[in-house]
PDB file of N, CA and C in Angstrom:
ATOM      1  N   MET A   1       0.837  -1.181   0.000  1.00  0.00           N
ATOM      2  CA  MET A   1       0.000   0.000   0.000  1.00  0.00           C
ATOM      3  C   MET A   1       0.881   1.244   0.000  1.00  0.00           C
ATOM      4  N   TYR A   2       0.441   2.260  -0.683  1.00  0.00           N
ATOM      5  CA  TYR A   2       1.210   3.493  -0.804  1.00  0.00           C
ATOM      6  C   TYR A   2       0.669   4.563   0.129  1.00  0.00           C
ATOM      7  N   ASP A   3       1.544   5.388   0.643  1.00  0.00           N
ATOM      8  CA  ASP A   3       1.138   6.567   1.402  1.00  0.00           C
ATOM      9  C   ASP A   3       1.038   7.704   0.396  1.00  0.00           C
ATOM     10  N   LEU A   4      -0.167   8.105   0.073  1.00  0.00           N
ATOM     11  CA  LEU A   4      -0.387   9.145  -0.932  1.00  0.00           C
ATOM     12  C   LEU A   4      -0.150  10.543  -0.384  1.00  0.00           C
ATOM     13  N   GLU A   5       0.088  10.662   0.918  1.00  0.00           N
ATOM     14  CA  GLU A   5       0.390  11.937   1.577  1.00  0.00           C
ATOM     15  C   GLU A   5      -0.655  12.999   1.246  1.00  0.00           C
ATOM     16  N   LEU A   6      -1.926  12.605   1.309  1.00  0.00           N
ATOM     17  CA  LEU A   6      -3.000  13.520   0.922  1.00  0.00           C
ATOM     18  C   LEU A   6      -3.109  14.728   1.840  1.00  0.00           C
ATOM     19  N   GLY A   7      -2.743  14.582   3.099  1.00  0.00           N
ATOM     20  CA  GLY A   7      -2.738  15.731   4.006  1.00  0.00           C
ATOM     21  C   GLY A   7      -1.773  16.803   3.538  1.00  0.00           C
ATOM     22  N   GLN A   8      -0.587  16.369   3.101  1.00  0.00           N
ATOM     23  CA  GLN A   8       0.403  17.317   2.576  1.00  0.00           C
ATOM     24  C   GLN A   8      -0.055  17.923   1.259  1.00  0.00           C
ATOM     25  N   VAL A   9      -0.716  17.118   0.440  1.00  0.00           N
ATOM     26  CA  VAL A   9      -1.235  17.609  -0.846  1.00  0.00           C
ATOM     27  C   VAL A   9      -2.262  18.704  -0.603  1.00  0.00           C
ATOM     28  N   VAL A  10      -3.195  18.449   0.298  1.00  0.00           N
ATOM     29  CA  VAL A  10      -4.238  19.435   0.611  1.00  0.00           C
ATOM     30  C   VAL A  10      -3.619  20.712   1.170  1.00  0.00           C
ATOM     31  N   ALA A  11      -2.659  20.575   2.074  1.00  0.00           N
ATOM     32  CA  ALA A  11      -1.997  21.750   2.655  1.00  0.00           C
ATOM     33  C   ALA A  11      -1.307  22.568   1.568  1.00  0.00           C
ATOM     34  N   HIS A  12      -0.646  21.898   0.635  1.00  0.00           N
ATOM     35  CA  HIS A  12       0.050  22.596  -0.452  1.00  0.00           C
ATOM     36  C   HIS A  12      -0.947  23.326  -1.359  1.00  0.00           C
ATOM     37  N   ILE A  13      -2.030  22.654  -1.707  1.00  0.00           N
ATOM     38  CA  ILE A  13      -3.051  23.281  -2.553  1.00  0.00           C
ATOM     39  C   ILE A  13      -3.620  24.520  -1.864  1.00  0.00           C
ATOM     40  N   ASN A  14      -3.905  24.402  -0.571  1.00  0.00           N
ATOM     41  CA  ASN A  14      -4.449  25.544   0.164  1.00  0.00           C
ATOM     42  C   ASN A  14      -3.449  26.687   0.267  1.00  0.00           C
ATOM     43  N   ARG A  15      -2.158  26.362   0.464  1.00  0.00           N
ATOM     44  CA  ARG A  15      -1.123  27.403   0.512  1.00  0.00           C
ATOM     45  C   ARG A  15      -1.035  28.148  -0.809  1.00  0.00           C
ATOM     46  N   LYS A  16      -1.114  27.390  -1.906  1.00  0.00           N
ATOM     47  CA  LYS A  16      -1.000  27.986  -3.246  1.00  0.00           C
ATOM     48  C   LYS A  16      -2.303  28.650  -3.707  1.00  0.00           C
ATOM     49  N   LYS A  17      -3.396  28.374  -2.985  1.00  0.00           N
ATOM     50  CA  LYS A  17      -4.725  28.884  -3.352  1.00  0.00           C
ATOM     51  C   LYS A  17      -5.099  28.472  -4.772  1.00  0.00           C
ATOM     52  N   ALA A  18      -4.721  27.254  -5.124  1.00  0.00           N
ATOM     53  CA  ALA A  18      -4.992  26.723  -6.465  1.00  0.00           C
ATOM     54  C   ALA A  18      -6.472  26.404  -6.606  1.00  0.00           C
ATOM     55  N   LYS A  19      -7.060  26.836  -7.680  1.00  0.00           N
ATOM     56  CA  LYS A  19      -8.485  26.599  -7.936  1.00  0.00           C
ATOM     57  C   LYS A  19      -8.712  25.434  -8.892  1.00  0.00           C
ATOM     58  N   ARG A  20      -7.776  25.218  -9.798  1.00  0.00           N
ATOM     59  CA  ARG A  20      -7.878  24.131 -10.779  1.00  0.00           C
ATOM     60  C   ARG A  20      -6.617  23.292 -10.668  1.00  0.00           C
ATOM     61  N   VAL A  21      -6.791  22.059 -10.182  1.00  0.00           N
ATOM     62  CA  VAL A  21      -5.672  21.163  -9.908  1.00  0.00           C
ATOM     63  C   VAL A  21      -5.799  19.940 -10.801  1.00  0.00           C
ATOM     64  N   CYS A  22      -4.696  19.554 -11.413  1.00  0.00           N
ATOM     65  CA  CYS A  22      -4.657  18.333 -12.214  1.00  0.00           C
ATOM     66  C   CYS A  22      -3.823  17.303 -11.464  1.00  0.00           C
ATOM     67  N   ILE A  23      -4.364  16.084 -11.360  1.00  0.00           N
ATOM     68  CA  ILE A  23      -3.590  15.007 -10.751  1.00  0.00           C
ATOM     69  C   ILE A  23      -3.169  14.023 -11.841  1.00  0.00           C
ATOM     70  N   GLN A  24      -1.926  13.582 -11.745  1.00  0.00           N
ATOM     71  CA  GLN A  24      -1.350  12.663 -12.725  1.00  0.00           C
ATOM     72  C   GLN A  24      -0.815  11.450 -11.980  1.00  0.00           C
ATOM     73  N   LEU A  25      -1.287  10.277 -12.380  1.00  0.00           N
ATOM     74  CA  LEU A  25      -0.951   9.039 -11.683  1.00  0.00           C
ATOM     75  C   LEU A  25      -0.416   7.998 -12.658  1.00  0.00           C
ATOM     76  N   PRO A  26       0.529   7.171 -12.211  1.00  0.00           N
ATOM     77  CA  PRO A  26       0.942   6.034 -13.034  1.00  0.00           C
ATOM     78  C   PRO A  26      -0.195   5.013 -13.072  1.00  0.00           C
ATOM     79  N   ASP A  27      -0.147   4.110 -14.037  1.00  0.00           N
ATOM     80  CA  ASP A  27      -1.241   3.154 -14.240  1.00  0.00           C
ATOM     81  C   ASP A  27      -1.630   2.398 -12.974  1.00  0.00           C
ATOM     82  N   GLY A  28      -0.673   2.007 -12.174  1.00  0.00           N
ATOM     83  CA  GLY A  28      -0.968   1.237 -10.974  1.00  0.00           C
ATOM     84  C   GLY A  28      -1.754   1.996  -9.918  1.00  0.00           C
ATOM     85  N   LEU A  29      -1.704   3.320  -9.955  1.00  0.00           N
ATOM     86  CA  LEU A  29      -2.429   4.141  -8.993  1.00  0.00           C
ATOM     87  C   LEU A  29      -3.698   4.765  -9.582  1.00  0.00           C
ATOM     88  N   LYS A  30      -3.914   4.622 -10.875  1.00  0.00           N
ATOM     89  CA  LYS A  30      -5.098   5.221 -11.499  1.00  0.00           C
ATOM     90  C   LYS A  30      -6.416   4.737 -10.898  1.00  0.00           C
ATOM     91  N   PRO A  31      -6.517   3.501 -10.406  1.00  0.00           N
ATOM     92  CA  PRO A  31      -7.769   3.111  -9.757  1.00  0.00           C
ATOM     93  C   PRO A  31      -8.103   3.955  -8.522  1.00  0.00           C
ATOM     94  N   LYS A  32      -7.133   4.624  -7.946  1.00  0.00           N
ATOM     95  CA  LYS A  32      -7.342   5.487  -6.785  1.00  0.00           C
ATOM     96  C   LYS A  32      -7.702   6.918  -7.176  1.00  0.00           C
ATOM     97  N   ALA A  33      -7.752   7.225  -8.460  1.00  0.00           N
ATOM     98  CA  ALA A  33      -7.936   8.604  -8.926  1.00  0.00           C
ATOM     99  C   ALA A  33      -9.205   9.251  -8.397  1.00  0.00           C
ATOM    100  N   GLN A  34     -10.314   8.552  -8.439  1.00  0.00           N
ATOM    101  CA  GLN A  34     -11.565   9.141  -7.982  1.00  0.00           C
ATOM    102  C   GLN A  34     -11.547   9.392  -6.473  1.00  0.00           C
ATOM    103  N   PHE A  35     -10.965   8.476  -5.723  1.00  0.00           N
ATOM    104  CA  PHE A  35     -10.830   8.673  -4.276  1.00  0.00           C
ATOM    105  C   PHE A  35      -9.996   9.926  -3.998  1.00  0.00           C
ATOM    106  N   ILE A  36      -8.868  10.062  -4.696  1.00  0.00           N
ATOM    107  CA  ILE A  36      -7.992  11.224  -4.509  1.00  0.00           C
ATOM    108  C   ILE A  36      -8.740  12.503  -4.879  1.00  0.00           C
ATOM    109  N   GLN A  37      -9.435  12.479  -6.007  1.00  0.00           N
ATOM    110  CA  GLN A  37     -10.187  13.640  -6.455  1.00  0.00           C
ATOM    111  C   GLN A  37     -11.203  14.073  -5.390  1.00  0.00           C
ATOM    112  N   ARG A  38     -11.975  13.134  -4.897  1.00  0.00           N
ATOM    113  CA  ARG A  38     -12.995  13.457  -3.887  1.00  0.00           C
ATOM    114  C   ARG A  38     -12.370  13.991  -2.604  1.00  0.00           C
ATOM    115  N   TYR A  39     -11.278  13.379  -2.183  1.00  0.00           N
ATOM    116  CA  TYR A  39     -10.607  13.812  -0.958  1.00  0.00           C
ATOM    117  C   TYR A  39     -10.142  15.258  -1.089  1.00  0.00           C
ATOM    118  N   ILE A  40      -9.487  15.568  -2.191  1.00  0.00           N
ATOM    119  CA  ILE A  40      -8.976  16.926  -2.394  1.00  0.00           C
ATOM    120  C   ILE A  40     -10.122  17.919  -2.481  1.00  0.00           C
ATOM    121  N   GLU A  41     -11.147  17.601  -3.254  1.00  0.00           N
ATOM    122  CA  GLU A  41     -12.260  18.533  -3.416  1.00  0.00           C
ATOM    123  C   GLU A  41     -13.028  18.737  -2.109  1.00  0.00           C
ATOM    124  N   LYS A  42     -13.070  17.726  -1.262  1.00  0.00           N
ATOM    125  CA  LYS A  42     -13.748  17.847   0.036  1.00  0.00           C
ATOM    126  C   LYS A  42     -12.972  18.745   0.995  1.00  0.00           C
ATOM    127  N   ASN A  43     -11.638  18.753   0.870  1.00  0.00           N
ATOM    128  CA  ASN A  43     -10.785  19.450   1.825  1.00  0.00           C
ATOM    129  C   ASN A  43     -10.162  20.737   1.303  1.00  0.00           C
ATOM    130  N   THR A  44     -10.533  21.143   0.105  1.00  0.00           N
ATOM    131  CA  THR A  44     -10.051  22.397  -0.479  1.00  0.00           C
ATOM    132  C   THR A  44     -11.210  23.043  -1.238  1.00  0.00           C
ATOM    133  N   THR A  45     -10.934  24.196  -1.811  1.00  0.00           N
ATOM    134  CA  THR A  45     -11.930  24.840  -2.680  1.00  0.00           C
ATOM    135  C   THR A  45     -11.582  24.600  -4.150  1.00  0.00           C
ATOM    136  N   SER A  46     -10.726  23.650  -4.410  1.00  0.00           N
ATOM    137  CA  SER A  46     -10.246  23.368  -5.763  1.00  0.00           C
ATOM    138  C   SER A  46     -11.166  22.431  -6.523  1.00  0.00           C
ATOM    139  N   ARG A  47     -11.116  22.565  -7.822  1.00  0.00           N
ATOM    140  CA  ARG A  47     -11.724  21.593  -8.721  1.00  0.00           C
ATOM    141  C   ARG A  47     -10.576  20.729  -9.238  1.00  0.00           C
ATOM    142  N   VAL A  48     -10.760  19.423  -9.203  1.00  0.00           N
ATOM    143  CA  VAL A  48      -9.689  18.495  -9.559  1.00  0.00           C
ATOM    144  C   VAL A  48      -9.983  17.829 -10.902  1.00  0.00           C
ATOM    145  N   PHE A  49      -8.978  17.842 -11.757  1.00  0.00           N
ATOM    146  CA  PHE A  49      -9.034  17.189 -13.059  1.00  0.00           C
ATOM    147  C   PHE A  49      -8.071  16.010 -13.027  1.00  0.00           C
ATOM    148  N   ILE A  50      -8.514  14.886 -13.541  1.00  0.00           N
ATOM    149  CA  ILE A  50      -7.692  13.676 -13.557  1.00  0.00           C
ATOM    150  C   ILE A  50      -7.077  13.526 -14.940  1.00  0.00           C
ATOM    151  N   TRP A  51      -5.754  13.485 -14.997  1.00  0.00           N
ATOM    152  CA  TRP A  51      -5.055  13.260 -16.266  1.00  0.00           C
ATOM    153  C   TRP A  51      -5.078  11.762 -16.552  1.00  0.00           C
ATOM    154  N   GLY A  52      -5.710  11.377 -17.650  1.00  0.00           N
ATOM    155  CA  GLY A  52      -5.834   9.963 -17.989  1.00  0.00           C
ATOM    156  C   GLY A  52      -4.733   9.455 -18.892  1.00  0.00           C
ATOM    157  N   GLY A  53      -3.863  10.345 -19.328  1.00  0.00           N
ATOM    158  CA  GLY A  53      -2.786   9.948 -20.236  1.00  0.00           C
ATOM    159  C   GLY A  53      -1.629   9.301 -19.494  1.00  0.00           C
ATOM    160  N   SER A  54      -0.510   9.241 -20.154  1.00  0.00           N
ATOM    161  CA  SER A  54       0.671   8.561 -19.620  1.00  0.00           C
ATOM    162  C   SER A  54       1.266   9.291 -18.424  1.00  0.00           C
ATOM    163  N   CYS A  55       2.032   8.552 -17.652  1.00  0.00           N
ATOM    164  CA  CYS A  55       2.801   9.108 -16.540  1.00  0.00           C
ATOM    165  C   CYS A  55       4.019   8.224 -16.346  1.00  0.00           C
ATOM    166  N   PHE A  56       5.090   8.571 -17.029  1.00  0.00           N
ATOM    167  CA  PHE A  56       6.319   7.769 -16.976  1.00  0.00           C
ATOM    168  C   PHE A  56       7.407   8.481 -16.193  1.00  0.00           C
ATOM    169  N   GLY A  57       7.026   9.116 -15.104  1.00  0.00           N
ATOM    170  CA  GLY A  57       7.994   9.813 -14.273  1.00  0.00           C
ATOM    171  C   GLY A  57       7.755  11.305 -14.270  1.00  0.00           C
ATOM    172  N   SER A  58       8.518  11.995 -13.431  1.00  0.00           N
ATOM    173  CA  SER A  58       8.299  13.425 -13.234  1.00  0.00           C
ATOM    174  C   SER A  58       8.618  14.258 -14.475  1.00  0.00           C
ATOM    175  N   CYS A  59       9.297  13.663 -15.449  1.00  0.00           N
ATOM    176  CA  CYS A  59       9.599  14.410 -16.678  1.00  0.00           C
ATOM    177  C   CYS A  59       8.446  14.318 -17.683  1.00  0.00           C
ATOM    178  N   ASP A  60       7.433  13.515 -17.378  1.00  0.00           N
ATOM    179  CA  ASP A  60       6.304  13.315 -18.288  1.00  0.00           C
ATOM    180  C   ASP A  60       5.176  14.289 -17.926  1.00  0.00           C
ATOM    181  N   ILE A  61       5.396  15.548 -18.219  1.00  0.00           N
ATOM    182  CA  ILE A  61       4.438  16.599 -17.878  1.00  0.00           C
ATOM    183  C   ILE A  61       3.475  16.796 -19.038  1.00  0.00           C
ATOM    184  N   PRO A  62       2.164  16.711 -18.766  1.00  0.00           N
ATOM    185  CA  PRO A  62       1.187  16.902 -19.839  1.00  0.00           C
ATOM    186  C   PRO A  62       1.065  18.386 -20.203  1.00  0.00           C
ATOM    187  N   LEU A  63       1.685  18.787 -21.281  1.00  0.00           N
ATOM    188  CA  LEU A  63       1.687  20.194 -21.679  1.00  0.00           C
ATOM    189  C   LEU A  63       0.302  20.695 -22.058  1.00  0.00           C
ATOM    190  N   GLU A  64      -0.596  19.782 -22.361  1.00  0.00           N
ATOM    191  CA  GLU A  64      -1.951  20.151 -22.757  1.00  0.00           C
ATOM    192  C   GLU A  64      -2.728  20.834 -21.631  1.00  0.00           C
ATOM    193  N   ILE A  65      -2.289  20.680 -20.399  1.00  0.00           N
ATOM    194  CA  ILE A  65      -3.038  21.267 -19.285  1.00  0.00           C
ATOM    195  C   ILE A  65      -2.975  22.788 -19.281  1.00  0.00           C
ATOM    196  N   LYS A  66      -2.009  23.360 -19.985  1.00  0.00           N
ATOM    197  CA  LYS A  66      -1.929  24.826 -20.070  1.00  0.00           C
ATOM    198  C   LYS A  66      -3.220  25.399 -20.628  1.00  0.00           C
ATOM    199  N   SER A  67      -3.759  24.763 -21.634  1.00  0.00           N
ATOM    200  CA  SER A  67      -4.973  25.271 -22.266  1.00  0.00           C
ATOM    201  C   SER A  67      -6.211  25.089 -21.385  1.00  0.00           C
ATOM    202  N   LEU A  68      -6.107  24.292 -20.326  1.00  0.00           N
ATOM    203  CA  LEU A  68      -7.222  24.078 -19.402  1.00  0.00           C
ATOM    204  C   LEU A  68      -7.219  25.064 -18.241  1.00  0.00           C
ATOM    205  N   GLY A  69      -6.193  25.891 -18.166  1.00  0.00           N
ATOM    206  CA  GLY A  69      -6.101  26.859 -17.079  1.00  0.00           C
ATOM    207  C   GLY A  69      -5.785  26.226 -15.731  1.00  0.00           C
ATOM    208  N   ILE A  70      -5.015  25.158 -15.753  1.00  0.00           N
ATOM    209  CA  ILE A  70      -4.648  24.452 -14.522  1.00  0.00           C
ATOM    210  C   ILE A  70      -3.656  25.298 -13.720  1.00  0.00           C
ATOM    211  N   ASP A  71      -3.938  25.456 -12.431  1.00  0.00           N
ATOM    212  CA  ASP A  71      -3.060  26.222 -11.538  1.00  0.00           C
ATOM    213  C   ASP A  71      -1.927  25.378 -10.964  1.00  0.00           C
ATOM    214  N   LEU A  72      -2.190  24.076 -10.805  1.00  0.00           N
ATOM    215  CA  LEU A  72      -1.226  23.223 -10.119  1.00  0.00           C
ATOM    216  C   LEU A  72      -1.333  21.791 -10.638  1.00  0.00           C
ATOM    217  N   LEU A  73      -0.200  21.187 -10.940  1.00  0.00           N
ATOM    218  CA  LEU A  73      -0.130  19.787 -11.347  1.00  0.00           C
ATOM    219  C   LEU A  73       0.495  19.005 -10.199  1.00  0.00           C
ATOM    220  N   ILE A  74      -0.168  17.922  -9.810  1.00  0.00           N
ATOM    221  CA  ILE A  74       0.372  17.050  -8.765  1.00  0.00           C
ATOM    222  C   ILE A  74       0.563  15.672  -9.362  1.00  0.00           C
ATOM    223  N   GLN A  75       1.781  15.161  -9.251  1.00  0.00           N
ATOM    224  CA  GLN A  75       2.126  13.849  -9.794  1.00  0.00           C
ATOM    225  C   GLN A  75       2.440  12.892  -8.655  1.00  0.00           C
ATOM    226  N   TRP A  76       2.024  11.654  -8.831  1.00  0.00           N
ATOM    227  CA  TRP A  76       2.392  10.585  -7.917  1.00  0.00           C
ATOM    228  C   TRP A  76       3.186   9.555  -8.694  1.00  0.00           C
ATOM    229  N   GLY A  77       4.014   8.805  -7.994  1.00  0.00           N
ATOM    230  CA  GLY A  77       4.780   7.743  -8.620  1.00  0.00           C
ATOM    231  C   GLY A  77       4.801   6.512  -7.733  1.00  0.00           C
ATOM    232  N   HIS A  78       5.378   5.453  -8.249  1.00  0.00           N
ATOM    233  CA  HIS A  78       5.489   4.219  -7.482  1.00  0.00           C
ATOM    234  C   HIS A  78       6.699   4.201  -6.565  1.00  0.00           C
ATOM    235  N   SER A  79       7.682   4.988  -6.894  1.00  0.00           N
ATOM    236  CA  SER A  79       8.939   4.971  -6.138  1.00  0.00           C
ATOM    237  C   SER A  79       8.987   6.107  -5.136  1.00  0.00           C
ATOM    238  N   GLU A  80       9.697   5.866  -4.047  1.00  0.00           N
ATOM    239  CA  GLU A  80       9.887   6.892  -3.043  1.00  0.00           C
ATOM    240  C   GLU A  80      10.790   7.981  -3.597  1.00  0.00           C
ATOM    241  N   TRP A  81      10.424   9.237  -3.371  1.00  0.00           N
ATOM    242  CA  TRP A  81      11.226  10.381  -3.825  1.00  0.00           C
ATOM    243  C   TRP A  81      12.337  10.597  -2.826  1.00  0.00           C
ATOM    244  N   ARG A  82      13.588  10.628  -3.294  1.00  0.00           N
ATOM    245  CA  ARG A  82      14.726  10.807  -2.383  1.00  0.00           C
ATOM    246  C   ARG A  82      15.527  12.010  -2.774  1.00  0.00           C
TER     247      ARG A  82
END
Protein backbone atom coordinates (compact mmCIF):
# COMPACT_ATOMS: atom_id res chain seq x y z
CA MET A 1 0.00 0.00 0.00
CA TYR A 2 1.21 3.49 -0.80
CA ASP A 3 1.14 6.57 1.40
CA LEU A 4 -0.39 9.15 -0.93
CA GLU A 5 0.39 11.94 1.58
CA LEU A 6 -3.00 13.52 0.92
CA GLY A 7 -2.74 15.73 4.01
CA GLN A 8 0.40 17.32 2.58
CA VAL A 9 -1.23 17.61 -0.85
CA VAL A 10 -4.24 19.43 0.61
CA ALA A 11 -2.00 21.75 2.66
CA HIS A 12 0.05 22.60 -0.45
CA ILE A 13 -3.05 23.28 -2.55
CA ASN A 14 -4.45 25.54 0.16
CA ARG A 15 -1.12 27.40 0.51
CA LYS A 16 -1.00 27.99 -3.25
CA LYS A 17 -4.73 28.88 -3.35
CA ALA A 18 -4.99 26.72 -6.46
CA LYS A 19 -8.49 26.60 -7.94
CA ARG A 20 -7.88 24.13 -10.78
CA VAL A 21 -5.67 21.16 -9.91
CA CYS A 22 -4.66 18.33 -12.21
CA ILE A 23 -3.59 15.01 -10.75
CA GLN A 24 -1.35 12.66 -12.73
CA LEU A 25 -0.95 9.04 -11.68
CA PRO A 26 0.94 6.03 -13.03
CA ASP A 27 -1.24 3.15 -14.24
CA GLY A 28 -0.97 1.24 -10.97
CA LEU A 29 -2.43 4.14 -8.99
CA LYS A 30 -5.10 5.22 -11.50
CA PRO A 31 -7.77 3.11 -9.76
CA LYS A 32 -7.34 5.49 -6.79
CA ALA A 33 -7.94 8.60 -8.93
CA GLN A 34 -11.56 9.14 -7.98
CA PHE A 35 -10.83 8.67 -4.28
CA ILE A 36 -7.99 11.22 -4.51
CA GLN A 37 -10.19 13.64 -6.45
CA ARG A 38 -12.99 13.46 -3.89
CA TYR A 39 -10.61 13.81 -0.96
CA ILE A 40 -8.98 16.93 -2.39
CA GLU A 41 -12.26 18.53 -3.42
CA LYS A 42 -13.75 17.85 0.04
CA ASN A 43 -10.78 19.45 1.83
CA THR A 44 -10.05 22.40 -0.48
CA THR A 45 -11.93 24.84 -2.68
CA SER A 46 -10.25 23.37 -5.76
CA ARG A 47 -11.72 21.59 -8.72
CA VAL A 48 -9.69 18.49 -9.56
CA PHE A 49 -9.03 17.19 -13.06
CA ILE A 50 -7.69 13.68 -13.56
CA TRP A 51 -5.05 13.26 -16.27
CA GLY A 52 -5.83 9.96 -17.99
CA GLY A 53 -2.79 9.95 -20.24
CA SER A 54 0.67 8.56 -19.62
CA CYS A 55 2.80 9.11 -16.54
CA PHE A 56 6.32 7.77 -16.98
CA GLY A 57 7.99 9.81 -14.27
CA SER A 58 8.30 13.43 -13.23
CA CYS A 59 9.60 14.41 -16.68
CA ASP A 60 6.30 13.31 -18.29
CA ILE A 61 4.44 16.60 -17.88
CA PRO A 62 1.19 16.90 -19.84
CA LEU A 63 1.69 20.19 -21.68
CA GLU A 64 -1.95 20.15 -22.76
CA ILE A 65 -3.04 21.27 -19.29
CA LYS A 66 -1.93 24.83 -20.07
CA SER A 67 -4.97 25.27 -22.27
CA LEU A 68 -7.22 24.08 -19.40
CA GLY A 69 -6.10 26.86 -17.08
CA ILE A 70 -4.65 24.45 -14.52
CA ASP A 71 -3.06 26.22 -11.54
CA LEU A 72 -1.23 23.22 -10.12
CA LEU A 73 -0.13 19.79 -11.35
CA ILE A 74 0.37 17.05 -8.77
CA GLN A 75 2.13 13.85 -9.79
CA TRP A 76 2.39 10.59 -7.92
CA GLY A 77 4.78 7.74 -8.62
CA HIS A 78 5.49 4.22 -7.48
CA SER A 79 8.94 4.97 -6.14
CA GLU A 80 9.89 6.89 -3.04
CA TRP A 81 11.23 10.38 -3.82
CA ARG A 82 14.73 10.81 -2.38
